[in-house]
Amino acid sequence: MTALDVVFERADRPASEGPYGRGASGVEGPVYVDSVFCSDSPDVVAAARLQSHWQQLEAGYGAHERTVTERKTDSAESGVVRFGDDTTVPFGLTMHDDGSHTFTLDGEEYEFVDGMAAVERR
């Protein structure tokens, strides 16, 4: 496992002005961060964001029931994803000339350079 240490400081109390900044009354405590994905591959980050989004949809609407493609061309397709409570959300996939593609789920866009398989570059 790899750890990432992050240091935050308040803009109005820079650390260079003493412990916890000038005039601080003890700026310390927990920091909660949500939905942070780090990688040297944009595809891994996009895949992690997409997986998180998908899990949120299933938690809210039930398990994925089926995907219905309503429109398809050589470079794009779109339709809806149906979940267990009969909720549908739109999806779209667009292939670009450079080999990259954009996947859209419920209005959120995910850009992939090498593909949705999300294999780390070596």
C-alpha atoms as a PDB file:
ATOM      1  CA  MET A   1       0.000   0.000   0.000  1.00  0.00           C
ATOM      2  CA  THR A   2       1.183   3.512  -0.791  1.00  0.00           C
ATOM      3  CA  ALA A   3       0.392   6.460   1.456  1.00  0.00           C
ATOM      4  CA  LEU A   4      -0.018  10.048   0.417  1.00  0.00           C
ATOM      5  CA  ASP A   5       0.626  12.722   3.019  1.00  0.00           C
ATOM      6  CA  VAL A   6      -1.197  15.978   2.427  1.00  0.00           C
ATOM      7  CA  VAL A   7      -0.712  19.134   4.475  1.00  0.00           C
ATOM      8  CA  PHE A   8      -3.406  21.792   4.584  1.00  0.00           C
ATOM      9  CA  GLU A   9      -3.066  25.276   5.950  1.00  0.00           C
ATOM     10  CA  ARG A  10      -5.591  28.027   6.221  1.00  0.00           C
ATOM     11  CA  ALA A  11      -5.071  30.808   3.732  1.00  0.00           C
ATOM     12  CA  ASP A  12      -5.603  33.423   6.431  1.00  0.00           C
ATOM     13  CA  ARG A  13      -3.121  31.752   8.823  1.00  0.00           C
ATOM     14  CA  PRO A  14      -0.089  30.525   6.889  1.00  0.00           C
ATOM     15  CA  ALA A  15       2.201  28.048   8.662  1.00  0.00           C
ATOM     16  CA  SER A  16       5.169  30.330   7.963  1.00  0.00           C
ATOM     17  CA  GLU A  17       3.777  32.713  10.610  1.00  0.00           C
ATOM     18  CA  GLY A  18       4.182  30.308  13.548  1.00  0.00           C
ATOM     19  CA  PRO A  19       2.435  27.239  14.887  1.00  0.00           C
ATOM     20  CA  TYR A  20      -0.959  26.991  13.196  1.00  0.00           C
ATOM     21  CA  GLY A  21      -0.443  30.456  11.750  1.00  0.00           C
ATOM     22  CA  ARG A  22      -0.500  33.951  13.271  1.00  0.00           C
ATOM     23  CA  GLY A  23      -3.064  34.373  16.035  1.00  0.00           C
ATOM     24  CA  ALA A  24      -4.408  30.857  15.698  1.00  0.00           C
ATOM     25  CA  SER A  25      -6.337  29.348  18.540  1.00  0.00           C
ATOM     26  CA  GLY A  26      -5.458  25.785  17.619  1.00  0.00           C
ATOM     27  CA  VAL A  27      -6.290  24.954  14.043  1.00  0.00           C
ATOM     28  CA  GLU A  28      -6.076  21.176  14.075  1.00  0.00           C
ATOM     29  CA  GLY A  29      -8.349  18.196  13.904  1.00  0.00           C
ATOM     30  CA  PRO A  30      -9.660  15.716  11.414  1.00  0.00           C
ATOM     31  CA  VAL A  31     -10.160  16.455   7.744  1.00  0.00           C
ATOM     32  CA  TYR A  32     -12.609  14.374   5.731  1.00  0.00           C
ATOM     33  CA  VAL A  33     -12.133  14.025   2.017  1.00  0.00           C
ATOM     34  CA  ASP A  34     -14.517  12.179  -0.270  1.00  0.00           C
ATOM     35  CA  SER A  35     -14.208  10.902  -3.840  1.00  0.00           C
ATOM     36  CA  VAL A  36     -10.478  11.356  -4.327  1.00  0.00           C
ATOM     37  CA  PHE A  37      -8.757   9.182  -6.912  1.00  0.00           C
ATOM     38  CA  CYS A  38      -5.028   9.430  -7.638  1.00  0.00           C
ATOM     39  CA  SER A  39      -3.112   7.759 -10.446  1.00  0.00           C
ATOM     40  CA  ASP A  40      -0.691   8.545 -13.223  1.00  0.00           C
ATOM     41  CA  SER A  41      -3.301   7.159 -15.637  1.00  0.00           C
ATOM     42  CA  PRO A  42      -6.344   9.279 -16.489  1.00  0.00           C
ATOM     43  CA  ASP A  43      -8.181   6.063 -17.400  1.00  0.00           C
ATOM     44  CA  VAL A  44      -7.769   4.616 -13.906  1.00  0.00           C
ATOM     45  CA  VAL A  45      -9.133   7.804 -12.355  1.00  0.00           C
ATOM     46  CA  ALA A  46     -12.087   7.928 -14.769  1.00  0.00           C
ATOM     47  CA  ALA A  47     -12.845   4.234 -14.130  1.00  0.00           C
ATOM     48  CA  ALA A  48     -12.766   4.755 -10.355  1.00  0.00           C
ATOM     49  CA  ARG A  49     -15.095   7.745 -10.638  1.00  0.00           C
ATOM     50  CA  LEU A  50     -17.437   5.764 -12.895  1.00  0.00           C
ATOM     51  CA  GLN A  51     -17.466   2.785 -10.527  1.00  0.00           C
ATOM     52  CA  SER A  52     -18.282   5.041  -7.582  1.00  0.00           C
ATOM     53  CA  HIS A  53     -21.090   6.696  -9.562  1.00  0.00           C
ATOM     54  CA  TRP A  54     -22.473   3.281 -10.598  1.00  0.00           C
ATOM     55  CA  GLN A  55     -22.454   2.069  -6.981  1.00  0.00           C
ATOM     56  CA  GLN A  56     -24.323   5.196  -5.893  1.00  0.00           C
ATOM     57  CA  LEU A  57     -26.953   4.602  -8.574  1.00  0.00           C
ATOM     58  CA  GLU A  58     -27.420   0.971  -7.496  1.00  0.00           C
ATOM     59  CA  ALA A  59     -27.620   1.988  -3.840  1.00  0.00           C
ATOM     60  CA  GLY A  60     -30.344   4.487  -4.668  1.00  0.00           C
ATOM     61  CA  TYR A  61     -32.315   2.623  -7.324  1.00  0.00           C
ATOM     62  CA  GLY A  62     -31.591  -1.069  -6.837  1.00  0.00           C
ATOM     63  CA  ALA A  63     -29.505  -3.504  -8.859  1.00  0.00           C
ATOM     64  CA  HIS A  64     -28.861  -2.999 -12.565  1.00  0.00           C
ATOM     65  CA  GLU A  65     -31.603  -4.795 -14.490  1.00  0.00           C
ATOM     66  CA  ARG A  66     -30.671  -4.095 -18.103  1.00  0.00           C
ATOM     67  CA  THR A  67     -29.172  -1.648 -20.552  1.00  0.00           C
ATOM     68  CA  VAL A  68     -31.232  -0.596 -23.559  1.00  0.00           C
ATOM     69  CA  THR A  69     -29.406   0.883 -26.548  1.00  0.00           C
ATOM     70  CA  GLU A  70     -31.748   3.242 -28.360  1.00  0.00           C
ATOM     71  CA  ARG A  71     -29.376   4.750 -30.918  1.00  0.00           C
ATOM     72  CA  LYS A  72     -26.169   3.346 -32.416  1.00  0.00           C
ATOM     73  CA  THR A  73     -23.742   4.518 -35.103  1.00  0.00           C
ATOM     74  CA  ASP A  74     -20.168   3.557 -35.974  1.00  0.00           C
ATOM     75  CA  SER A  75     -18.801   6.029 -33.444  1.00  0.00           C
ATOM     76  CA  ALA A  76     -21.533   6.486 -30.834  1.00  0.00           C
ATOM     77  CA  GLU A  77     -24.361   4.854 -28.986  1.00  0.00           C
ATOM     78  CA  SER A  78     -26.875   6.006 -26.424  1.00  0.00           C
ATOM     79  CA  GLY A  79     -29.798   4.706 -24.462  1.00  0.00           C
ATOM     80  CA  VAL A  80     -30.887   4.057 -20.898  1.00  0.00           C
ATOM     81  CA  VAL A  81     -29.830   1.909 -17.985  1.00  0.00           C
ATOM     82  CA  ARG A  82     -32.726   0.389 -16.013  1.00  0.00           C
ATOM     83  CA  PHE A  83     -32.384  -0.302 -12.307  1.00  0.00           C
ATOM     84  CA  GLY A  84     -34.375  -2.532  -9.950  1.00  0.00           C
ATOM     85  CA  ASP A  85     -37.015   0.034  -8.995  1.00  0.00           C
ATOM     86  CA  ASP A  86     -37.705   0.744 -12.717  1.00  0.00           C
ATOM     87  CA  THR A  87     -35.716   3.985 -12.632  1.00  0.00           C
ATOM     88  CA  THR A  88     -33.885   4.654 -15.885  1.00  0.00           C
ATOM     89  CA  VAL A  89     -30.867   6.881 -16.380  1.00  0.00           C
ATOM     90  CA  PRO A  90     -29.416   7.898 -19.735  1.00  0.00           C
ATOM     91  CA  PHE A  91     -26.034   6.713 -20.991  1.00  0.00           C
ATOM     92  CA  GLY A  92     -23.938   7.548 -24.004  1.00  0.00           C
ATOM     93  CA  LEU A  93     -20.653   6.450 -25.525  1.00  0.00           C
ATOM     94  CA  THR A  94     -18.760   8.478 -28.114  1.00  0.00           C
ATOM     95  CA  MET A  95     -15.621   7.198 -29.834  1.00  0.00           C
ATOM     96  CA  HIS A  96     -13.245   9.951 -30.964  1.00  0.00           C
ATOM     97  CA  ASP A  97     -10.939   9.916 -34.003  1.00  0.00           C
ATOM     98  CA  ASP A  98      -7.826   9.777 -31.788  1.00  0.00           C
ATOM     99  CA  GLY A  99      -8.982   6.488 -30.200  1.00  0.00           C
ATOM    100  CA  SER A 100     -10.160   8.043 -26.966  1.00  0.00           C
ATOM    101  CA  HIS A 101     -13.776   7.967 -25.930  1.00  0.00           C
ATOM    102  CA  THR A 102     -16.282   9.640 -23.661  1.00  0.00           C
ATOM    103  CA  PHE A 103     -18.767   7.656 -21.616  1.00  0.00           C
ATOM    104  CA  THR A 104     -21.707   9.587 -20.167  1.00  0.00           C
ATOM    105  CA  LEU A 105     -23.877   8.210 -17.377  1.00  0.00           C
ATOM    106  CA  ASP A 106     -26.789  10.185 -15.973  1.00  0.00           C
ATOM    107  CA  GLY A 107     -25.277  13.441 -17.246  1.00  0.00           C
ATOM    108  CA  GLU A 108     -21.772  12.820 -15.828  1.00  0.00           C
ATOM    109  CA  GLU A 109     -18.962  12.541 -18.404  1.00  0.00           C
ATOM    110  CA  TYR A 110     -16.000  10.167 -18.101  1.00  0.00           C
ATOM    111  CA  GLU A 111     -13.082  10.683 -20.489  1.00  0.00           C
ATOM    112  CA  PHE A 112     -10.951   7.655 -21.412  1.00  0.00           C
ATOM    113  CA  VAL A 113      -7.673   7.911 -23.322  1.00  0.00           C
ATOM    114  CA  ASP A 114      -6.680   4.246 -23.730  1.00  0.00           C
ATOM    115  CA  GLY A 115      -9.873   2.483 -22.724  1.00  0.00           C
ATOM    116  CA  MET A 116     -12.294   1.657 -19.969  1.00  0.00           C
ATOM    117  CA  ALA A 117     -10.316  -1.417 -18.872  1.00  0.00           C
ATOM    118  CA  ALA A 118      -8.353   0.932 -16.607  1.00  0.00           C
ATOM    119  CA  VAL A 119      -5.069  -0.932 -16.679  1.00  0.00           C
ATOM    120  CA  GLU A 120      -2.230   0.994 -15.062  1.00  0.00           C
ATOM    121  CA  ARG A 121       0.421   2.111 -17.533  1.00  0.00           C
ATOM    122  CA  ARG A 122       3.786   0.408 -17.086  1.00  0.00           C
END
